[in-house]
Every structure is written in C-alpha cells, then in structure tokens.
Amino acid sequence: MRTNKILVCIDFHDQSLAALHQCYDISRFLKAEVVLLYVIESSDILSKFFSTDIEKAKGEVKKRLDQLIEEECADSGLNFTYVIKSGKASDSIIETAKEINARFIIMGKNGSTSGIKKFLGSNTTKVISESDFPVISIKGSHSIGYKNIVLPLDLSKSTKEKVASAISFSKFFGSHIHLVSVHNQGIIYQTTNLFKRIKKIEKVFRSNGIECTHKFFKRNDKADYEYVLEYSKEVNADLIMVMTHQEGRVRDYYIGAFAHHVINGSEIPVLSLTPTIPMEKESMIEALVDPFNLF
C-alpha cells in the first residue's frame, strides 16, 4: 500500500524549484507529506558550492534545504521533510521512492548540464523507465492546477489505468478531459474498434460528471506524438497522461517510443504511469473509480 508521501527531486536550480511548486496541488490532492531529495554526486563535491568533504557537503545541503523550506514552502500549509544522499542521481531517486513507498515522484527536466548536475535527460528517462511509481516530469514553469488534461488513447488494455487516473484528477481539480487519438488514412474511423472504445470511455467520464471532448487525427506526414503535443498546446493543457510500458512489457526497463517522445518533447507536465490495474480481463471501468483512495 502506498504511503501518503510525494518525492520531489531538488537541486536548487530553477527547474527543480518549478517542480517543487507544482507539487503543492498534488500534495493537497493526496493529503500527502512532501519529501525533498537532494543527491550529492561526484561533480557536486568538486563544485564551488560545496566543500570536498562529503559530511561537510551534506551539512551545507541541509542548511540550504532548511532555508528552502522556510522561504519557499512556509505559506503552503504542507508538511515537508528531506533526504540527502550521495551517489548516482537516478539510482538514489528510485531507491528513495521505494524506501518511502511514494505516491508520486516529481522531477524537473531540462537540457543544461552546467553547474551542479541536474535531474534531467538521462536521469529522467532512467527514473521513468525503471520506477514502479508514477512520475510527473516538468519542463519550464507552469500555472498551478490541472484544468485541462490530455489523454492520448489507443487500443492497449492499459487504457483503463489512464482513465482511472484521469477520473480521480478530474474529480479533485475540476478538470476537462481532452481525449485524443490518431488513426490511419483510408478507413472510416466511426467503424473502428478504437472509436467504439472511446465512445464507451466518454460515457464513463460523463457518468462521473466530468467534461470530456474527443479529437481524432488522420495519420499523415507526422508521428503520432507530434499530433498529441500540438493538440496539447492548442487546448492549453496543464497535464498529459501517458503509459510508459507497452502491453506485455511491464516494468522491464522499457519506455515505449510514443511515451518517450511525449516526455522528452513536451513543454507541458507529463504524468508517466505504469500499469497497476490487472489487465488479464478487459472490461470497462465502473462508474466510480478511485485509484488514489480519495472518495
């Protein structure tokens, strides 16, 4: 059973601070404690910010985390603790998430490698591909809240997991769900199994009092993820939900190509989910779904 803790990766740079601020609404959503994680890597010890002694470096990080919580988090009304580790960032994030049995991992990502080594690029990919926990990856700064959520859909059985998560988010944040799908040219979309499934999913959302619209694109000269990213900007999305593992390849250090491109290319926060709802039997979700034990 998940604890009521969210793990937020901190490196004191702007991107991780954006991730910190983004976690506030999620924390209230789950009534969860926020656990900040700083990982001291070999590059940190050699940087101008820290001494060459690991214990002294940990002491300096502790002072900065105490100051961060006092100055940045005091008005949030949330509970904060922190963990300081030394080692490889991605391994430490996954290890700490397991230790606290996190509900979510929240981490910033960008392309810079200057200064203190950041939680970015390869670290983000490794954490998402190897973690059993949902990961929200954030690039840039964003408004707080999740009023518009984009849900890409296909015929995989793990669709149930995305729908369940979207229902829980929507009930708390009052979100509008934007379903999006891409299909081949030369077929009548309304006769496909995907269209029939989406109509059922729309019914599930509406039976839960959730606003839901559906946009479909005919596959042309772009990859599927490009349609999703462009549509997400068009509807001013606050969050994109993707499944990171394809059917039959669960938790095997693999991210599907579609999810990988969305995570890397999105300027909008992306929630990466791994399937936890049993997939042996395909059935539509009942009217009230509560994967986060909120209702």
C-alpha atoms as a PDB file:
ATOM      1  CA  MET A   1       0.000   0.000   0.000  1.00  0.00           C
ATOM      2  CA  ARG A   2       1.271   3.460  -0.928  1.00  0.00           C
ATOM      3  CA  THR A   3       2.190   5.847   1.879  1.00  0.00           C
ATOM      4  CA  ASN A   4       0.977   9.420   1.844  1.00  0.00           C
ATOM      5  CA  LYS A   5       4.300  10.797   0.649  1.00  0.00           C
ATOM      6  CA  ILE A   6       5.403  12.503  -2.543  1.00  0.00           C
ATOM      7  CA  LEU A   7       9.063  12.541  -3.546  1.00  0.00           C
ATOM      8  CA  VAL A   8      10.303  15.787  -5.111  1.00  0.00           C
ATOM      9  CA  CYS A   9      13.812  15.902  -6.589  1.00  0.00           C
ATOM     10  CA  ILE A  10      15.671  19.107  -5.705  1.00  0.00           C
ATOM     11  CA  ASP A  11      18.946  20.547  -6.995  1.00  0.00           C
ATOM     12  CA  PHE A  12      18.294  24.236  -6.100  1.00  0.00           C
ATOM     13  CA  HIS A  13      18.061  25.244  -9.753  1.00  0.00           C
ATOM     14  CA  ASP A  14      15.035  26.889 -11.333  1.00  0.00           C
ATOM     15  CA  GLN A  15      13.662  23.738 -12.932  1.00  0.00           C
ATOM     16  CA  SER A  16      13.571  21.756  -9.716  1.00  0.00           C
ATOM     17  CA  LEU A  17      12.019  24.741  -7.912  1.00  0.00           C
ATOM     18  CA  ALA A  18       9.284  24.759 -10.570  1.00  0.00           C
ATOM     19  CA  ALA A  19       8.751  21.068  -9.802  1.00  0.00           C
ATOM     20  CA  LEU A  20       8.577  21.904  -6.090  1.00  0.00           C
ATOM     21  CA  HIS A  21       5.845  24.500  -6.617  1.00  0.00           C
ATOM     22  CA  GLN A  22       3.990  22.162  -8.952  1.00  0.00           C
ATOM     23  CA  CYS A  23       3.820  19.552  -6.206  1.00  0.00           C
ATOM     24  CA  TYR A  24       1.666  21.680  -3.887  1.00  0.00           C
ATOM     25  CA  ASP A  25      -1.658  20.885  -5.553  1.00  0.00           C
ATOM     26  CA  ILE A  26      -0.769  17.210  -5.898  1.00  0.00           C
ATOM     27  CA  SER A  27       0.088  17.136  -2.192  1.00  0.00           C
ATOM     28  CA  ARG A  28      -3.272  18.659  -1.289  1.00  0.00           C
ATOM     29  CA  PHE A  29      -4.941  16.263  -3.725  1.00  0.00           C
ATOM     30  CA  LEU A  30      -3.484  13.313  -1.811  1.00  0.00           C
ATOM     31  CA  LYS A  31      -3.267  14.987   1.613  1.00  0.00           C
ATOM     32  CA  ALA A  32       0.374  13.951   1.407  1.00  0.00           C
ATOM     33  CA  GLU A  33       3.675  14.867   3.018  1.00  0.00           C
ATOM     34  CA  VAL A  34       6.351  16.180   0.650  1.00  0.00           C
ATOM     35  CA  VAL A  35       9.779  14.538   0.860  1.00  0.00           C
ATOM     36  CA  LEU A  36      12.549  16.542  -0.829  1.00  0.00           C
ATOM     37  CA  LEU A  37      15.532  14.600  -2.145  1.00  0.00           C
ATOM     38  CA  TYR A  38      18.962  16.007  -2.894  1.00  0.00           C
ATOM     39  CA  VAL A  39      21.615  13.678  -4.274  1.00  0.00           C
ATOM     40  CA  ILE A  40      25.264  14.652  -3.904  1.00  0.00           C
ATOM     41  CA  GLU A  41      27.126  13.331  -6.919  1.00  0.00           C
ATOM     42  CA  SER A  42      30.869  13.385  -7.602  1.00  0.00           C
ATOM     43  CA  SER A  43      30.527  16.578  -9.642  1.00  0.00           C
ATOM     44  CA  ASP A  44      28.951  18.323  -6.632  1.00  0.00           C
ATOM     45  CA  ILE A  45      31.949  17.613  -4.416  1.00  0.00           C
ATOM     46  CA  LEU A  46      34.198  19.320  -6.956  1.00  0.00           C
ATOM     47  CA  SER A  47      31.904  22.314  -7.467  1.00  0.00           C
ATOM     48  CA  LYS A  48      32.267  25.762  -5.931  1.00  0.00           C
ATOM     49  CA  PHE A  49      29.084  25.245  -3.897  1.00  0.00           C
ATOM     50  CA  PHE A  50      30.384  22.506  -1.626  1.00  0.00           C
ATOM     51  CA  SER A  51      33.442  21.509   0.347  1.00  0.00           C
ATOM     52  CA  THR A  52      35.483  18.467  -0.664  1.00  0.00           C
ATOM     53  CA  ASP A  53      34.424  16.530   2.441  1.00  0.00           C
ATOM     54  CA  ILE A  54      31.205  14.528   1.953  1.00  0.00           C
ATOM     55  CA  GLU A  55      29.929  15.038   5.506  1.00  0.00           C
ATOM     56  CA  LYS A  56      30.572  18.783   5.326  1.00  0.00           C
ATOM     57  CA  ALA A  57      28.856  18.818   1.931  1.00  0.00           C
ATOM     58  CA  LYS A  58      25.805  17.112   3.459  1.00  0.00           C
ATOM     59  CA  GLY A  59      25.774  19.744   6.207  1.00  0.00           C
ATOM     60  CA  GLU A  60      25.798  22.527   3.634  1.00  0.00           C
ATOM     61  CA  VAL A  61      22.966  20.863   1.693  1.00  0.00           C
ATOM     62  CA  LYS A  62      20.978  20.522   4.934  1.00  0.00           C
ATOM     63  CA  LYS A  63      21.294  24.270   5.600  1.00  0.00           C
ATOM     64  CA  ARG A  64      20.133  25.079   2.082  1.00  0.00           C
ATOM     65  CA  LEU A  65      17.164  22.691   2.323  1.00  0.00           C
ATOM     66  CA  ASP A  66      16.127  24.148   5.690  1.00  0.00           C
ATOM     67  CA  GLN A  67      16.317  27.617   4.164  1.00  0.00           C
ATOM     68  CA  LEU A  68      14.376  26.494   1.078  1.00  0.00           C
ATOM     69  CA  ILE A  69      11.551  25.048   3.183  1.00  0.00           C
ATOM     70  CA  GLU A  70      11.413  28.185   5.349  1.00  0.00           C
ATOM     71  CA  GLU A  71      11.479  30.667   2.459  1.00  0.00           C
ATOM     72  CA  GLU A  72       9.679  28.849  -0.368  1.00  0.00           C
ATOM     73  CA  CYS A  73       7.277  26.477   1.371  1.00  0.00           C
ATOM     74  CA  ALA A  74       6.182  28.138   4.613  1.00  0.00           C
ATOM     75  CA  ASP A  75       2.931  29.532   3.182  1.00  0.00           C
ATOM     76  CA  SER A  76       1.862  26.272   1.513  1.00  0.00           C
ATOM     77  CA  GLY A  77       0.411  24.736   4.686  1.00  0.00           C
ATOM     78  CA  LEU A  78       2.003  21.394   3.751  1.00  0.00           C
ATOM     79  CA  ASN A  79       4.395  19.155   5.682  1.00  0.00           C
ATOM     80  CA  PHE A  80       7.956  18.910   4.329  1.00  0.00           C
ATOM     81  CA  THR A  81      10.849  16.633   5.203  1.00  0.00           C
ATOM     82  CA  TYR A  82      14.002  15.879   3.254  1.00  0.00           C
ATOM     83  CA  VAL A  83      16.526  13.178   2.459  1.00  0.00           C
ATOM     84  CA  ILE A  84      20.163  13.771   1.465  1.00  0.00           C
ATOM     85  CA  LYS A  85      22.031  11.000  -0.316  1.00  0.00           C
ATOM     86  CA  SER A  86      25.301  10.608  -2.152  1.00  0.00           C
ATOM     87  CA  GLY A  87      25.722   8.509  -5.263  1.00  0.00           C
ATOM     88  CA  LYS A  88      24.163   8.302  -8.705  1.00  0.00           C
ATOM     89  CA  ALA A  89      21.097  10.539  -9.002  1.00  0.00           C
ATOM     90  CA  SER A  90      18.744   8.182 -10.851  1.00  0.00           C
ATOM     91  CA  ASP A  91      19.562   5.204  -8.624  1.00  0.00           C
ATOM     92  CA  SER A  92      19.103   7.308  -5.480  1.00  0.00           C
ATOM     93  CA  ILE A  93      15.722   8.621  -6.675  1.00  0.00           C
ATOM     94  CA  ILE A  94      14.408   5.116  -7.392  1.00  0.00           C
ATOM     95  CA  GLU A  95      15.833   3.789  -4.117  1.00  0.00           C
ATOM     96  CA  THR A  96      14.319   6.604  -2.038  1.00  0.00           C
ATOM     97  CA  ALA A  97      10.926   6.250  -3.722  1.00  0.00           C
ATOM     98  CA  LYS A  98      10.926   2.590  -2.712  1.00  0.00           C
ATOM     99  CA  GLU A  99      12.020   3.385   0.846  1.00  0.00           C
ATOM    100  CA  ILE A 100       9.167   5.844   1.419  1.00  0.00           C
ATOM    101  CA  ASN A 101       6.756   3.948  -0.883  1.00  0.00           C
ATOM    102  CA  ALA A 102       5.981   7.190  -2.692  1.00  0.00           C
ATOM    103  CA  ARG A 103       2.642   8.008  -4.284  1.00  0.00           C
ATOM    104  CA  PHE A 104       4.388  10.132  -6.922  1.00  0.00           C
ATOM    105  CA  ILE A 105       7.863  11.184  -7.983  1.00  0.00           C
ATOM    106  CA  ILE A 106       8.007  14.777  -9.219  1.00  0.00           C
ATOM    107  CA  MET A 107      11.121  15.936 -11.052  1.00  0.00           C
ATOM    108  CA  GLY A 108      12.161  18.783 -13.309  1.00  0.00           C
ATOM    109  CA  LYS A 109      13.927  18.254 -16.595  1.00  0.00           C
ATOM    110  CA  ASN A 110      15.889  20.473 -18.955  1.00  0.00           C
ATOM    111  CA  GLY A 111      18.815  20.227 -21.315  1.00  0.00           C
ATOM    112  CA  SER A 112      21.528  22.086 -19.430  1.00  0.00           C
ATOM    113  CA  THR A 113      24.387  20.290 -17.724  1.00  0.00           C
ATOM    114  CA  SER A 114      26.224  23.326 -16.359  1.00  0.00           C
ATOM    115  CA  GLY A 115      26.866  23.871 -12.677  1.00  0.00           C
ATOM    116  CA  ILE A 116      25.602  21.316 -10.190  1.00  0.00           C
ATOM    117  CA  LYS A 117      24.468  18.239 -12.079  1.00  0.00           C
ATOM    118  CA  LYS A 118      20.712  18.340 -12.527  1.00  0.00           C
ATOM    119  CA  PHE A 119      17.932  15.746 -12.506  1.00  0.00           C
ATOM    120  CA  LEU A 120      17.481  15.816 -16.266  1.00  0.00           C
ATOM    121  CA  GLY A 121      17.798  14.000 -19.553  1.00  0.00           C
ATOM    122  CA  SER A 122      19.170  10.528 -18.948  1.00  0.00           C
ATOM    123  CA  ASN A 123      18.266  10.680 -15.247  1.00  0.00           C
ATOM    124  CA  THR A 124      14.641  11.440 -16.042  1.00  0.00           C
ATOM    125  CA  THR A 125      14.474   8.676 -18.645  1.00  0.00           C
ATOM    126  CA  LYS A 126      16.065   6.125 -16.304  1.00  0.00           C
ATOM    127  CA  VAL A 127      13.775   7.004 -13.394  1.00  0.00           C
ATOM    128  CA  ILE A 128      10.641   6.811 -15.543  1.00  0.00           C
ATOM    129  CA  SER A 129      11.665   3.547 -17.203  1.00  0.00           C
ATOM    130  CA  GLU A 130      12.721   1.749 -14.017  1.00  0.00           C
ATOM    131  CA  SER A 131      10.374   3.156 -11.386  1.00  0.00           C
ATOM    132  CA  ASP A 132       7.246   1.359 -10.218  1.00  0.00           C
ATOM    133  CA  PHE A 133       5.864   4.734  -9.144  1.00  0.00           C
ATOM    134  CA  PRO A 134       4.041   7.377 -11.223  1.00  0.00           C
ATOM    135  CA  VAL A 135       6.410  10.159 -12.318  1.00  0.00           C
ATOM    136  CA  ILE A 136       5.470  13.749 -13.166  1.00  0.00           C
ATOM    137  CA  SER A 137       8.220  15.331 -15.263  1.00  0.00           C
ATOM    138  CA  ILE A 138       8.196  19.116 -15.588  1.00  0.00           C
ATOM    139  CA  LYS A 139       9.914  21.390 -18.081  1.00  0.00           C
ATOM    140  CA  GLY A 140       9.589  25.162 -17.730  1.00  0.00           C
ATOM    141  CA  SER A 141       7.238  26.972 -15.363  1.00  0.00           C
ATOM    142  CA  HIS A 142       3.509  26.302 -15.308  1.00  0.00           C
ATOM    143  CA  SER A 143       0.328  27.530 -13.721  1.00  0.00           C
ATOM    144  CA  ILE A 144      -0.808  25.553 -10.707  1.00  0.00           C
ATOM    145  CA  GLY A 145      -3.735  23.187 -11.116  1.00  0.00           C
ATOM    146  CA  TYR A 146      -4.900  20.760 -13.768  1.00  0.00           C
ATOM    147  CA  LYS A 147      -7.888  22.287 -15.529  1.00  0.00           C
ATOM    148  CA  ASN A 148      -7.157  20.701 -18.904  1.00  0.00           C
ATOM    149  CA  ILE A 149      -5.808  17.151 -19.103  1.00  0.00           C
ATOM    150  CA  VAL A 150      -4.887  15.493 -22.404  1.00  0.00           C
ATOM    151  CA  LEU A 151      -5.375  11.736 -22.571  1.00  0.00           C
ATOM    152  CA  PRO A 152      -3.956  10.013 -25.687  1.00  0.00           C
ATOM    153  CA  LEU A 153      -5.823   6.764 -26.311  1.00  0.00           C
ATOM    154  CA  ASP A 154      -5.171   3.622 -28.323  1.00  0.00           C
ATOM    155  CA  LEU A 155      -6.340   0.005 -28.149  1.00  0.00           C
ATOM    156  CA  SER A 156      -3.988  -1.178 -25.393  1.00  0.00           C
ATOM    157  CA  LYS A 157      -5.542  -2.708 -22.302  1.00  0.00           C
ATOM    158  CA  SER A 158      -3.640  -0.278 -20.068  1.00  0.00           C
ATOM    159  CA  THR A 159      -6.073   2.403 -21.246  1.00  0.00           C
ATOM    160  CA  LYS A 160      -8.041   1.534 -18.096  1.00  0.00           C
ATOM    161  CA  GLU A 161      -5.233   2.849 -15.905  1.00  0.00           C
ATOM    162  CA  LYS A 162      -5.127   6.215 -17.661  1.00  0.00           C
ATOM    163  CA  VAL A 163      -8.904   6.582 -17.496  1.00  0.00           C
ATOM    164  CA  ALA A 164      -8.952   5.733 -13.783  1.00  0.00           C
ATOM    165  CA  SER A 165      -6.224   8.258 -13.017  1.00  0.00           C
ATOM    166  CA  ALA A 166      -7.907  10.932 -15.128  1.00  0.00           C
ATOM    167  CA  ILE A 167     -11.188  10.427 -13.256  1.00  0.00           C
ATOM    168  CA  SER A 168      -9.509  10.912  -9.879  1.00  0.00           C
ATOM    169  CA  PHE A 169      -7.645  14.020 -11.019  1.00  0.00           C
ATOM    170  CA  SER A 170     -10.762  15.457 -12.629  1.00  0.00           C
ATOM    171  CA  LYS A 171     -12.920  14.978  -9.546  1.00  0.00           C
ATOM    172  CA  PHE A 172     -10.423  16.869  -7.393  1.00  0.00           C
ATOM    173  CA  PHE A 173      -9.292  19.595  -9.804  1.00  0.00           C
ATOM    174  CA  GLY A 174     -12.483  20.036 -11.834  1.00  0.00           C
ATOM    175  CA  SER A 175     -10.555  19.101 -14.972  1.00  0.00           C
ATOM    176  CA  HIS A 176     -11.780  18.968 -18.540  1.00  0.00           C
ATOM    177  CA  ILE A 177     -10.538  15.771 -20.188  1.00  0.00           C
ATOM    178  CA  HIS A 178      -9.374  16.032 -23.785  1.00  0.00           C
ATOM    179  CA  LEU A 179      -9.248  12.590 -25.398  1.00  0.00           C
ATOM    180  CA  VAL A 180      -7.029  12.412 -28.475  1.00  0.00           C
ATOM    181  CA  SER A 181      -6.442   9.555 -30.910  1.00  0.00           C
ATOM    182  CA  VAL A 182      -4.675   9.094 -34.238  1.00  0.00           C
ATOM    183  CA  HIS A 183      -5.826   6.668 -36.938  1.00  0.00           C
ATOM    184  CA  ASN A 184      -4.784   5.593 -40.414  1.00  0.00           C
ATOM    185  CA  GLN A 185      -5.852   7.256 -43.621  1.00  0.00           C
ATOM    186  CA  GLY A 186      -8.328   5.414 -45.803  1.00  0.00           C
ATOM    187  CA  ILE A 187     -10.525   3.923 -43.082  1.00  0.00           C
ATOM    188  CA  ILE A 188     -13.876   5.004 -41.720  1.00  0.00           C
ATOM    189  CA  TYR A 189     -12.958   5.966 -38.169  1.00  0.00           C
ATOM    190  CA  GLN A 190     -16.518   5.588 -36.843  1.00  0.00           C
ATOM    191  CA  THR A 191     -16.434   1.868 -37.696  1.00  0.00           C
ATOM    192  CA  THR A 192     -13.182   1.090 -35.859  1.00  0.00           C
ATOM    193  CA  ASN A 193     -12.812  -0.633 -32.507  1.00  0.00           C
ATOM    194  CA  LEU A 194     -10.905   2.404 -31.237  1.00  0.00           C
ATOM    195  CA  PHE A 195     -13.855   4.700 -31.944  1.00  0.00           C
ATOM    196  CA  LYS A 196     -16.244   2.300 -30.179  1.00  0.00           C
ATOM    197  CA  ARG A 197     -13.939   2.125 -27.165  1.00  0.00           C
ATOM    198  CA  ILE A 198     -13.608   5.901 -26.962  1.00  0.00           C
ATOM    199  CA  LYS A 199     -17.389   6.341 -27.045  1.00  0.00           C
ATOM    200  CA  LYS A 200     -17.594   3.989 -24.018  1.00  0.00           C
ATOM    201  CA  ILE A 201     -14.849   5.928 -22.244  1.00  0.00           C
ATOM    202  CA  GLU A 202     -16.636   9.221 -22.897  1.00  0.00           C
ATOM    203  CA  LYS A 203     -19.737   7.715 -21.306  1.00  0.00           C
ATOM    204  CA  VAL A 204     -17.713   6.718 -18.216  1.00  0.00           C
ATOM    205  CA  PHE A 205     -16.367  10.254 -17.804  1.00  0.00           C
ATOM    206  CA  ARG A 206     -19.764  11.853 -18.241  1.00  0.00           C
ATOM    207  CA  SER A 207     -21.397   9.439 -15.813  1.00  0.00           C
ATOM    208  CA  ASN A 208     -18.896  10.767 -13.275  1.00  0.00           C
ATOM    209  CA  GLY A 209     -19.863  14.373 -14.033  1.00  0.00           C
ATOM    210  CA  ILE A 210     -16.609  15.089 -15.904  1.00  0.00           C
ATOM    211  CA  GLU A 211     -16.436  17.284 -19.004  1.00  0.00           C
ATOM    212  CA  CYS A 212     -14.907  15.358 -21.864  1.00  0.00           C
ATOM    213  CA  THR A 213     -14.222  16.043 -25.535  1.00  0.00           C
ATOM    214  CA  HIS A 214     -12.588  13.896 -28.201  1.00  0.00           C
ATOM    215  CA  LYS A 215     -10.299  14.921 -31.047  1.00  0.00           C
ATOM    216  CA  PHE A 216      -9.106  12.445 -33.666  1.00  0.00           C
ATOM    217  CA  PHE A 217      -6.452  12.969 -36.325  1.00  0.00           C
ATOM    218  CA  LYS A 218      -5.849  11.136 -39.573  1.00  0.00           C
ATOM    219  CA  ARG A 219      -2.245   9.936 -39.610  1.00  0.00           C
ATOM    220  CA  ASN A 220      -0.430  11.808 -42.362  1.00  0.00           C
ATOM    221  CA  ASP A 221       3.125  13.123 -42.509  1.00  0.00           C
ATOM    222  CA  LYS A 222       3.731  13.386 -38.762  1.00  0.00           C
ATOM    223  CA  ALA A 223       4.416  10.954 -35.968  1.00  0.00           C
ATOM    224  CA  ASP A 224       1.550  10.275 -33.538  1.00  0.00           C
ATOM    225  CA  TYR A 225       3.265  12.070 -30.660  1.00  0.00           C
ATOM    226  CA  GLU A 226       3.519  15.271 -32.731  1.00  0.00           C
ATOM    227  CA  TYR A 227      -0.274  15.403 -33.104  1.00  0.00           C
ATOM    228  CA  VAL A 228      -0.628  14.961 -29.337  1.00  0.00           C
ATOM    229  CA  LEU A 229       1.914  17.666 -28.458  1.00  0.00           C
ATOM    230  CA  GLU A 230       0.410  20.153 -30.912  1.00  0.00           C
ATOM    231  CA  TYR A 231      -3.115  19.460 -29.672  1.00  0.00           C
ATOM    232  CA  SER A 232      -1.990  19.836 -26.053  1.00  0.00           C
ATOM    233  CA  LYS A 233      -0.750  23.347 -26.815  1.00  0.00           C
ATOM    234  CA  GLU A 234      -3.948  24.138 -28.709  1.00  0.00           C
ATOM    235  CA  VAL A 235      -6.165  23.323 -25.690  1.00  0.00           C
ATOM    236  CA  ASN A 236      -3.767  24.932 -23.168  1.00  0.00           C
ATOM    237  CA  ALA A 237      -3.271  21.605 -21.419  1.00  0.00           C
ATOM    238  CA  ASP A 238      -1.885  21.531 -17.882  1.00  0.00           C
ATOM    239  CA  LEU A 239      -1.036  17.825 -17.941  1.00  0.00           C
ATOM    240  CA  ILE A 240      -0.556  14.962 -20.406  1.00  0.00           C
ATOM    241  CA  MET A 241      -1.049  11.400 -19.147  1.00  0.00           C
ATOM    242  CA  VAL A 242       0.863   8.574 -20.808  1.00  0.00           C
ATOM    243  CA  MET A 243       1.541   4.915 -20.119  1.00  0.00           C
ATOM    244  CA  THR A 244       5.270   4.249 -20.242  1.00  0.00           C
ATOM    245  CA  HIS A 245       5.146   0.495 -20.852  1.00  0.00           C
ATOM    246  CA  GLN A 246       3.535  -1.251 -23.772  1.00  0.00           C
ATOM    247  CA  GLU A 247       1.238  -4.190 -23.199  1.00  0.00           C
ATOM    248  CA  GLY A 248       3.273  -7.291 -22.391  1.00  0.00           C
ATOM    249  CA  ARG A 249       6.368  -5.259 -21.467  1.00  0.00           C
ATOM    250  CA  VAL A 250       5.553  -4.097 -17.963  1.00  0.00           C
ATOM    251  CA  ARG A 251       8.376  -2.976 -15.648  1.00  0.00           C
ATOM    252  CA  ASP A 252      11.188  -4.252 -17.837  1.00  0.00           C
ATOM    253  CA  TYR A 253      13.214  -1.026 -18.093  1.00  0.00           C
ATOM    254  CA  TYR A 254      11.435  -0.033 -21.274  1.00  0.00           C
ATOM    255  CA  ILE A 255       9.638   3.116 -22.353  1.00  0.00           C
ATOM    256  CA  GLY A 256       7.504   2.859 -25.479  1.00  0.00           C
ATOM    257  CA  ALA A 257       8.607   5.121 -28.339  1.00  0.00           C
ATOM    258  CA  PHE A 258       5.411   7.195 -28.216  1.00  0.00           C
ATOM    259  CA  ALA A 259       5.680   7.883 -24.480  1.00  0.00           C
ATOM    260  CA  HIS A 260       9.406   8.598 -24.779  1.00  0.00           C
ATOM    261  CA  HIS A 261       8.830  11.273 -27.435  1.00  0.00           C
ATOM    262  CA  VAL A 262       5.974  12.873 -25.482  1.00  0.00           C
ATOM    263  CA  ILE A 263       8.016  13.007 -22.265  1.00  0.00           C
ATOM    264  CA  ASN A 264      11.081  14.459 -23.976  1.00  0.00           C
ATOM    265  CA  GLY A 265       9.276  16.828 -26.307  1.00  0.00           C
ATOM    266  CA  SER A 266       6.564  18.240 -24.077  1.00  0.00           C
ATOM    267  CA  GLU A 267       6.723  21.732 -22.579  1.00  0.00           C
ATOM    268  CA  ILE A 268       3.687  20.667 -20.518  1.00  0.00           C
ATOM    269  CA  PRO A 269       3.987  18.484 -17.387  1.00  0.00           C
ATOM    270  CA  VAL A 270       3.705  14.774 -18.232  1.00  0.00           C
ATOM    271  CA  LEU A 271       2.377  12.141 -15.835  1.00  0.00           C
ATOM    272  CA  SER A 272       4.013   8.801 -16.681  1.00  0.00           C
ATOM    273  CA  LEU A 273       2.046   5.829 -15.377  1.00  0.00           C
ATOM    274  CA  THR A 274       2.937   2.161 -15.135  1.00  0.00           C
ATOM    275  CA  PRO A 275       0.045  -0.320 -15.233  1.00  0.00           C
ATOM    276  CA  THR A 276      -1.203  -1.459 -11.837  1.00  0.00           C
ATOM    277  CA  ILE A 277      -4.800  -2.395 -12.665  1.00  0.00           C
ATOM    278  CA  PRO A 278      -4.869  -6.133 -13.600  1.00  0.00           C
ATOM    279  CA  MET A 279      -5.030  -6.475 -17.366  1.00  0.00           C
ATOM    280  CA  GLU A 280      -5.894 -10.162 -17.770  1.00  0.00           C
ATOM    281  CA  LYS A 281      -9.536  -9.365 -18.378  1.00  0.00           C
ATOM    282  CA  GLU A 282     -10.592  -6.395 -20.446  1.00  0.00           C
ATOM    283  CA  SER A 283     -13.634  -4.607 -19.053  1.00  0.00           C
ATOM    284  CA  MET A 284     -14.846  -1.057 -18.834  1.00  0.00           C
ATOM    285  CA  ILE A 285     -14.295   0.811 -15.586  1.00  0.00           C
ATOM    286  CA  GLU A 286     -17.285   1.105 -13.311  1.00  0.00           C
ATOM    287  CA  ALA A 287     -18.982   4.476 -12.786  1.00  0.00           C
ATOM    288  CA  LEU A 288     -16.900   5.390  -9.729  1.00  0.00           C
ATOM    289  CA  VAL A 289     -13.181   4.734  -9.982  1.00  0.00           C
ATOM    290  CA  ASP A 290     -10.820   5.779  -7.207  1.00  0.00           C
ATOM    291  CA  PRO A 291      -7.224   4.595  -7.707  1.00  0.00           C
ATOM    292  CA  PHE A 292      -5.909   7.180  -5.241  1.00  0.00           C
ATOM    293  CA  ASN A 293      -8.329   6.252  -2.429  1.00  0.00           C
ATOM    294  CA  LEU A 294      -9.804   9.731  -2.284  1.00  0.00           C
ATOM    295  CA  PHE A 295     -13.550   9.138  -2.269  1.00  0.00           C
END
